[in-house]
N, C-alpha and C. Protein backbone atom coordinates (compact mmCIF):
# COMPACT_ATOMS: atom_id res chain seq x y z
N UNK A 1 117.07 -4.21 129.31
CA UNK A 1 115.88 -3.75 128.47
C UNK A 1 116.36 -3.41 127.03
N UNK A 2 115.89 -3.84 126.11
CA UNK A 2 116.45 -3.23 124.84
C UNK A 2 115.68 -2.01 124.40
N UNK A 3 116.22 -1.05 123.07
CA UNK A 3 116.04 -0.16 122.67
C UNK A 3 114.60 -0.46 121.91
N UNK A 4 113.16 -0.07 122.65
CA UNK A 4 112.56 -0.04 121.44
C UNK A 4 112.35 1.20 120.68
N UNK A 5 112.38 1.25 119.19
CA UNK A 5 112.10 2.77 118.90
C UNK A 5 110.40 3.15 118.80
N UNK A 6 109.35 2.15 118.71
CA UNK A 6 108.01 2.73 119.08
C UNK A 6 107.49 2.68 120.09
N UNK A 7 108.27 2.59 121.46
CA UNK A 7 107.57 2.86 122.79
C UNK A 7 107.82 4.28 122.90
N UNK A 8 106.60 4.54 123.22
CA UNK A 8 106.39 6.35 123.82
C UNK A 8 106.33 6.62 125.14
N UNK A 9 107.39 6.96 125.54
CA UNK A 9 107.60 7.58 127.05
C UNK A 9 106.45 8.68 127.35
N UNK A 10 105.56 8.05 128.57
CA UNK A 10 104.41 8.90 128.54
C UNK A 10 104.85 10.34 129.39
N UNK A 11 106.02 10.36 130.08
CA UNK A 11 106.43 11.68 130.36
C UNK A 11 107.05 12.58 129.66
N UNK A 12 107.07 11.86 128.43
CA UNK A 12 107.72 13.43 127.34
C UNK A 12 107.29 13.09 126.14
N UNK A 13 105.82 13.73 125.97
CA UNK A 13 105.33 13.99 124.54
C UNK A 13 106.35 14.31 123.86
N UNK A 14 105.23 13.46 122.43
CA UNK A 14 106.07 14.28 120.64
C UNK A 14 106.34 15.92 120.82
N UNK A 15 107.50 16.22 120.06
CA UNK A 15 107.08 17.45 119.97
C UNK A 15 106.18 18.22 118.71
N UNK A 16 105.85 19.33 119.20
CA UNK A 16 104.68 19.87 118.02
C UNK A 16 105.11 19.98 116.64
N UNK A 17 104.29 19.65 115.66
CA UNK A 17 105.08 19.74 114.47
C UNK A 17 105.03 21.14 114.10
N UNK A 18 105.78 21.68 113.17
CA UNK A 18 106.20 22.97 112.99
C UNK A 18 105.17 23.15 111.84
N UNK A 19 104.54 24.29 112.49
CA UNK A 19 103.16 24.73 111.48
C UNK A 19 103.54 25.52 109.96
N UNK A 20 104.69 26.66 110.19
CA UNK A 20 105.17 26.79 109.07
C UNK A 20 105.95 25.92 108.30
N UNK A 21 106.61 24.88 108.84
CA UNK A 21 107.18 23.89 107.76
C UNK A 21 105.90 23.16 107.03
N UNK A 22 104.79 23.04 107.54
CA UNK A 22 104.05 22.30 106.92
C UNK A 22 103.66 22.82 105.97
N UNK A 23 103.53 24.36 106.12
CA UNK A 23 102.42 25.25 105.16
C UNK A 23 103.58 25.37 104.06
N UNK A 24 104.98 25.38 104.14
CA UNK A 24 105.28 25.71 103.06
C UNK A 24 105.66 23.74 102.34
N UNK A 25 105.56 23.20 103.11
CA UNK A 25 105.51 21.77 102.17
C UNK A 25 104.04 22.14 101.14
N UNK A 26 103.10 21.98 101.98
CA UNK A 26 101.81 22.20 101.48
C UNK A 26 101.87 22.96 99.94
N UNK A 27 102.77 24.19 100.06
CA UNK A 27 102.45 25.54 98.95
C UNK A 27 103.49 24.62 97.68
N UNK A 28 104.46 24.16 98.40
CA UNK A 28 105.37 23.48 97.69
C UNK A 28 104.53 22.44 96.45
N UNK A 29 103.85 21.75 97.19
CA UNK A 29 102.99 20.25 96.45
C UNK A 29 101.79 21.24 95.48
N UNK A 30 101.57 22.27 95.96
CA UNK A 30 100.99 22.95 95.30
C UNK A 30 100.73 23.43 93.97
N UNK A 31 100.16 23.27 92.70
CA UNK A 31 100.56 24.50 91.92
C UNK A 31 100.01 25.20 91.93
N UNK A 32 101.14 26.47 91.35
CA UNK A 32 100.43 27.76 91.47
C UNK A 32 99.95 27.89 90.54
N UNK A 33 99.04 29.08 90.81
CA UNK A 33 97.80 29.41 89.61
C UNK A 33 98.67 30.71 89.08
N UNK A 34 97.82 30.60 87.89
CA UNK A 34 98.75 32.14 86.81
C UNK A 34 97.98 33.20 87.38
N UNK A 35 98.79 34.57 87.05
CA UNK A 35 98.75 35.58 88.00
C UNK A 35 97.96 36.24 87.00
N UNK A 36 96.54 36.51 88.39
CA UNK A 36 95.17 37.86 88.14
C UNK A 36 95.56 38.94 86.79
N UNK A 37 95.56 38.85 85.84
CA UNK A 37 95.71 40.47 84.73
C UNK A 37 95.02 41.42 85.63
N UNK A 38 95.54 42.55 85.79
CA UNK A 38 95.47 43.74 86.65
C UNK A 38 94.26 44.60 85.64
N UNK A 39 93.23 45.19 86.05
CA UNK A 39 92.34 46.34 85.52
C UNK A 39 93.77 47.44 85.40
N UNK A 40 93.67 47.97 83.84
CA UNK A 40 94.91 49.26 83.92
C UNK A 40 93.98 50.13 84.49
N UNK A 41 94.82 50.52 85.54
CA UNK A 41 94.36 51.97 86.07
C UNK A 41 94.74 52.94 85.85
N UNK A 42 94.92 54.11 85.86
CA UNK A 42 95.68 55.30 85.37
C UNK A 42 96.40 55.47 87.01
N UNK A 43 97.52 55.19 87.22
CA UNK A 43 98.43 55.49 88.15
C UNK A 43 99.62 56.96 88.08
N UNK A 44 99.50 57.00 87.08
CA UNK A 44 100.68 58.46 86.82
C UNK A 44 100.77 58.50 85.24
N UNK A 45 100.73 59.79 84.67
CA UNK A 45 101.21 60.07 83.36
C UNK A 45 100.01 61.00 83.12
N UNK A 46 100.13 60.83 81.82
CA UNK A 46 98.82 61.62 81.20
C UNK A 46 98.06 61.24 80.53
N UNK A 47 96.47 61.53 80.78
CA UNK A 47 95.12 60.25 80.08
C UNK A 47 95.14 61.41 79.44
N UNK A 48 95.13 61.18 77.94
CA UNK A 48 94.84 61.62 76.95
C UNK A 48 93.14 61.16 76.35
N UNK A 49 92.56 62.54 76.08
CA UNK A 49 90.86 61.64 75.32
C UNK A 49 90.83 63.25 74.50
N UNK A 50 89.68 62.88 73.05
CA UNK A 50 89.97 63.79 72.02
C UNK A 50 88.79 64.55 72.17
N UNK A 51 87.60 64.29 73.14
CA UNK A 51 86.49 65.47 72.85
C UNK A 51 86.27 65.66 74.48
N UNK A 52 84.80 66.35 74.85
CA UNK A 52 84.32 67.07 76.12
C UNK A 52 84.11 65.53 76.51
N UNK A 53 83.35 65.11 75.34
CA UNK A 53 82.29 63.81 75.46
C UNK A 53 82.86 62.80 76.21
N UNK A 54 84.08 62.61 75.47
CA UNK A 54 84.76 61.22 75.58
C UNK A 54 85.23 61.49 77.11
N UNK A 55 85.71 63.07 77.47
CA UNK A 55 85.70 62.88 79.39
C UNK A 55 84.63 62.75 80.10
N UNK A 56 83.66 63.28 79.20
CA UNK A 56 82.27 62.33 80.25
C UNK A 56 81.48 61.14 80.34
N UNK A 57 82.36 60.31 79.33
CA UNK A 57 81.83 58.82 79.44
C UNK A 57 83.03 58.50 80.29
N UNK A 58 84.43 58.57 80.45
CA UNK A 58 85.46 58.28 81.00
C UNK A 58 84.94 57.42 82.35
N UNK A 59 85.78 56.46 82.55
CA UNK A 59 85.06 55.81 83.26
C UNK A 59 85.98 55.94 84.79
N UNK A 60 85.37 56.38 86.03
CA UNK A 60 86.39 56.27 87.48
C UNK A 60 86.14 55.44 88.57
N UNK A 61 87.09 54.86 89.22
CA UNK A 61 86.30 54.40 90.47
C UNK A 61 85.97 55.45 91.78
N UNK A 62 85.09 54.79 92.49
CA UNK A 62 84.36 56.18 93.40
C UNK A 62 86.07 56.53 94.24
N UNK A 63 85.75 57.64 94.59
CA UNK A 63 86.33 58.42 95.48
C UNK A 63 87.71 58.79 94.88
N UNK A 64 87.50 58.88 93.51
CA UNK A 64 88.71 59.13 92.68
C UNK A 64 88.68 60.55 91.70
N UNK A 65 90.02 60.86 91.84
CA UNK A 65 89.88 62.03 90.73
C UNK A 65 90.84 61.57 89.52
N UNK A 66 90.90 62.02 88.33
CA UNK A 66 91.96 61.90 86.98
C UNK A 66 91.75 63.48 86.18
N UNK A 67 93.37 63.63 85.83
CA UNK A 67 93.21 64.60 84.90
C UNK A 67 93.17 63.72 83.51
N UNK A 68 92.21 64.85 82.28
CA UNK A 68 92.39 64.27 81.26
C UNK A 68 92.92 65.10 80.18
N UNK A 69 93.63 65.06 79.75
CA UNK A 69 94.18 66.36 78.72
C UNK A 69 93.67 65.67 77.11
N UNK A 70 93.04 66.86 76.41
CA UNK A 70 92.28 66.84 75.40
C UNK A 70 93.70 66.62 74.40
N UNK A 71 93.55 66.61 73.51
CA UNK A 71 94.68 65.72 72.66
C UNK A 71 94.22 66.65 71.22
N UNK A 72 93.00 67.44 70.99
CA UNK A 72 92.42 68.34 70.16
C UNK A 72 92.49 70.24 70.27
N UNK A 73 92.34 69.99 71.76
CA UNK A 73 92.60 71.28 72.02
C UNK A 73 93.41 71.96 73.24
N UNK A 74 93.16 73.24 73.82
CA UNK A 74 94.22 73.05 75.03
C UNK A 74 93.25 73.32 76.22
N UNK A 75 93.09 71.97 76.55
CA UNK A 75 91.72 71.99 77.53
C UNK A 75 92.54 71.01 78.30
N UNK A 76 92.20 71.09 79.84
CA UNK A 76 92.43 70.18 80.48
C UNK A 76 90.86 69.61 81.42
N UNK A 77 90.50 68.48 81.29
CA UNK A 77 88.95 68.04 82.43
C UNK A 77 89.47 67.41 83.85
N UNK A 78 89.20 68.06 84.97
CA UNK A 78 89.40 67.31 86.16
C UNK A 78 88.21 66.28 86.17
N UNK A 79 88.05 64.91 86.32
CA UNK A 79 87.02 64.22 86.44
C UNK A 79 87.22 63.78 88.21
N UNK A 80 86.02 64.03 88.36
CA UNK A 80 86.13 63.41 90.04
C UNK A 80 85.49 62.60 90.11
N UNK A 81 84.89 61.50 91.21
CA UNK A 81 83.99 60.81 91.67
C UNK A 81 83.78 60.86 93.55
N UNK A 82 82.32 60.61 93.66
CA UNK A 82 82.24 60.72 95.59
C UNK A 82 82.48 59.41 95.53
N UNK A 83 82.24 59.25 96.85
CA UNK A 83 81.96 58.00 97.51
C UNK A 83 81.19 57.18 97.09
N UNK A 84 79.68 57.56 96.58
CA UNK A 84 79.22 56.64 95.91
C UNK A 84 78.75 56.55 94.41
N UNK A 85 80.02 56.90 93.43
CA UNK A 85 80.52 57.04 92.65
C UNK A 85 79.84 58.19 91.48
N UNK A 86 79.87 59.45 92.10
CA UNK A 86 78.78 60.01 90.82
C UNK A 86 79.65 60.90 90.25
N UNK A 87 80.07 61.37 89.54
CA UNK A 87 81.20 62.02 88.46
C UNK A 87 80.77 63.32 88.33
N UNK A 88 81.70 64.19 88.58
CA UNK A 88 81.68 65.78 88.19
C UNK A 88 83.06 65.80 87.52
N UNK A 89 82.78 66.97 86.46
CA UNK A 89 83.79 67.13 85.70
C UNK A 89 83.92 68.74 85.47
N UNK A 90 85.19 69.37 85.89
CA UNK A 90 85.41 70.70 85.75
C UNK A 90 86.22 70.79 84.42
N UNK A 91 86.03 71.90 83.90
CA UNK A 91 86.57 71.74 82.58
C UNK A 91 87.71 73.21 82.51
N UNK A 92 88.71 73.09 82.47
CA UNK A 92 89.89 74.06 82.66
C UNK A 92 90.49 74.58 81.19
N UNK A 93 90.57 75.98 80.63
CA UNK A 93 91.29 75.81 79.20
C UNK A 93 92.66 76.59 79.57
N UNK A 94 93.48 75.77 78.69
CA UNK A 94 94.86 76.60 79.19
C UNK A 94 95.31 77.75 78.19
N UNK A 95 95.67 78.83 78.87
CA UNK A 95 96.08 80.00 78.28
C UNK A 95 97.30 80.30 78.55
N UNK A 96 98.25 80.68 77.24
CA UNK A 96 99.17 81.15 77.48
C UNK A 96 99.83 82.20 78.11
N UNK A 97 100.65 82.16 79.30
CA UNK A 97 101.06 83.96 80.11
C UNK A 97 101.97 84.52 79.33
N UNK A 98 101.33 85.79 78.61
CA UNK A 98 102.44 86.26 78.24
C UNK A 98 103.57 86.72 79.26
N UNK A 99 104.97 87.15 78.89
CA UNK A 99 105.79 87.36 80.06
C UNK A 99 105.93 89.03 80.16
N UNK A 100 105.87 88.91 81.59
CA UNK A 100 105.63 90.27 81.93
C UNK A 100 107.09 90.34 82.85
N UNK A 101 107.60 91.70 82.89
CA UNK A 101 108.52 91.83 83.81
C UNK A 101 107.94 91.94 85.40
N UNK A 102 108.45 91.41 86.24
CA UNK A 102 107.98 91.44 87.72
C UNK A 102 108.52 92.55 88.01
N UNK A 103 107.48 93.35 88.89
CA UNK A 103 107.97 94.46 89.32
C UNK A 103 107.84 94.28 91.09
N UNK A 104 108.99 95.15 91.56
CA UNK A 104 108.64 94.95 93.19
C UNK A 104 106.95 95.75 93.77
N UNK A 105 106.85 95.36 94.36
CA UNK A 105 105.59 96.23 95.06
C UNK A 105 106.00 97.93 95.21
N UNK A 106 104.97 98.57 94.95
CA UNK A 106 105.44 100.00 95.26
C UNK A 106 105.40 100.15 96.67
N UNK A 107 106.36 100.79 97.44
CA UNK A 107 106.07 101.27 99.00
C UNK A 107 105.47 102.05 99.00
N UNK A 108 104.58 102.55 99.98
CA UNK A 108 103.70 103.86 100.12
C UNK A 108 104.70 104.68 100.63
N UNK A 109 104.78 106.25 99.85
CA UNK A 109 105.75 107.01 100.40
C UNK A 109 105.35 107.70 101.83
N UNK A 110 105.96 107.88 102.78
CA UNK A 110 106.17 108.51 103.26
C UNK A 110 106.05 109.45 103.34
N UNK A 111 104.84 110.42 104.50
CA UNK A 111 104.34 111.10 104.24
C UNK A 111 104.94 112.46 105.40
N UNK A 112 105.14 113.98 104.97
CA UNK A 112 106.09 114.28 106.24
C UNK A 112 104.72 115.50 106.28
N UNK A 113 105.03 116.06 107.97
CA UNK A 113 104.14 117.64 108.20
C UNK A 113 104.65 118.41 107.78
N UNK A 114 104.22 119.62 107.16
CA UNK A 114 104.89 120.69 106.84
C UNK A 114 104.71 121.53 107.96
N UNK A 115 105.95 122.54 108.05
CA UNK A 115 106.25 123.40 109.10
C UNK A 115 105.33 124.12 109.60
N UNK A 116 104.14 124.24 109.06
CA UNK A 116 103.12 125.36 109.16
C UNK A 116 102.01 124.41 109.38
N UNK A 117 101.82 122.90 109.30
CA UNK A 117 100.92 122.19 110.08
C UNK A 117 101.56 122.06 111.14
N UNK A 118 102.42 121.63 111.56
CA UNK A 118 103.11 121.58 112.63
C UNK A 118 102.92 122.32 114.08
N UNK A 119 103.58 124.10 113.52
CA UNK A 119 103.04 124.89 114.24
C UNK A 119 101.81 124.98 114.34
N UNK A 120 101.00 124.79 113.87
CA UNK A 120 99.60 124.74 113.95
C UNK A 120 98.59 123.74 114.91
N UNK A 121 99.50 122.55 115.33
CA UNK A 121 99.23 121.73 115.95
C UNK A 121 99.86 121.93 117.55
N UNK A 122 100.81 122.15 117.48
CA UNK A 122 101.71 122.78 118.91
C UNK A 122 100.99 124.07 119.19
N UNK A 123 100.80 125.00 118.69
CA UNK A 123 99.70 125.83 119.50
C UNK A 123 98.43 125.11 119.80
N UNK A 124 97.88 123.88 119.00
CA UNK A 124 96.71 123.48 119.54
C UNK A 124 96.81 122.34 121.01
N UNK A 125 97.90 122.18 120.63
CA UNK A 125 98.07 121.25 122.13
C UNK A 125 98.93 122.08 123.26
N UNK A 126 99.25 123.70 123.00
CA UNK A 126 99.18 124.51 123.89
C UNK A 126 98.77 124.54 124.75
N UNK A 127 97.47 124.92 123.85
CA UNK A 127 95.86 125.35 124.21
C UNK A 127 95.32 124.62 125.05
N UNK A 128 95.36 123.64 124.84
CA UNK A 128 94.72 122.29 125.34
C UNK A 128 95.40 122.51 126.74
N UNK A 129 96.80 122.72 127.00
CA UNK A 129 97.81 122.57 128.41
C UNK A 129 97.20 123.42 129.18
N UNK A 130 96.56 124.75 128.36
CA UNK A 130 97.48 125.78 129.05
C UNK A 130 95.57 125.99 129.85
N UNK A 131 94.40 125.34 128.96
CA UNK A 131 93.56 125.43 129.71
C UNK A 131 93.24 123.94 131.22
N UNK A 132 93.86 122.85 130.88
CA UNK A 132 94.24 122.02 131.56
C UNK A 132 94.76 122.42 132.91
N UNK A 133 95.88 123.57 132.99
CA UNK A 133 96.36 123.94 133.88
C UNK A 133 95.28 124.75 134.70
N UNK A 134 94.44 125.76 133.90
CA UNK A 134 93.65 126.80 134.70
C UNK A 134 92.58 126.12 135.54
N UNK A 135 92.30 124.83 134.75
CA UNK A 135 91.43 124.13 135.48
C UNK A 135 91.45 123.45 136.51
N UNK A 136 93.10 123.18 136.52
CA UNK A 136 93.60 122.28 137.52
C UNK A 136 93.48 123.33 138.90
N UNK A 137 93.95 124.68 138.58
CA UNK A 137 93.96 125.57 139.45
C UNK A 137 92.93 125.66 140.20
N UNK A 138 91.46 126.04 139.32
CA UNK A 138 90.72 126.23 139.67
C UNK A 138 90.30 125.15 140.44
N UNK A 139 90.31 123.97 140.54
CA UNK A 139 89.73 123.22 141.28
C UNK A 139 90.85 123.14 142.94
N UNK A 140 92.11 123.66 142.78
CA UNK A 140 92.47 123.63 144.05
C UNK A 140 92.42 124.94 144.57
N UNK A 141 91.54 125.88 144.12
CA UNK A 141 91.13 126.88 144.41
C UNK A 141 89.70 126.47 145.27
N UNK A 142 89.00 125.73 144.84
CA UNK A 142 87.70 125.48 145.17
C UNK A 142 87.80 124.62 146.96
N UNK A 143 89.16 124.22 146.83
CA UNK A 143 89.27 123.38 148.58
C UNK A 143 89.49 123.94 149.34
């Protein structure tokens, strides 16, 4: 029997085509689309505005926040929006902090008892002990 290249053995099916290779070939044949320009989104840095009105009109995405620095006044505007896109604006004025020397917190002074106060307390305790002893003795006598 001679070798027939078109003969397909029913017991050994053809191998499965490589899907990844097919996808790569299709991608190579198709022209690549030009890149889509992204909308400029503030991802960091300083966003400058010239007035409060401009800060109020600054558009931001829902569920986001941005700090807007006023270029004409020492003011920062924090513009935030909720999930529905409703914006709120908080205004912070920048005030220079005067340098003041840092002082350690004052510890409470320890208060001592005078000898006169101590003697009065000792006498009071002695009286209470004496009354307790008398009461215990009286209770023993009653039994």
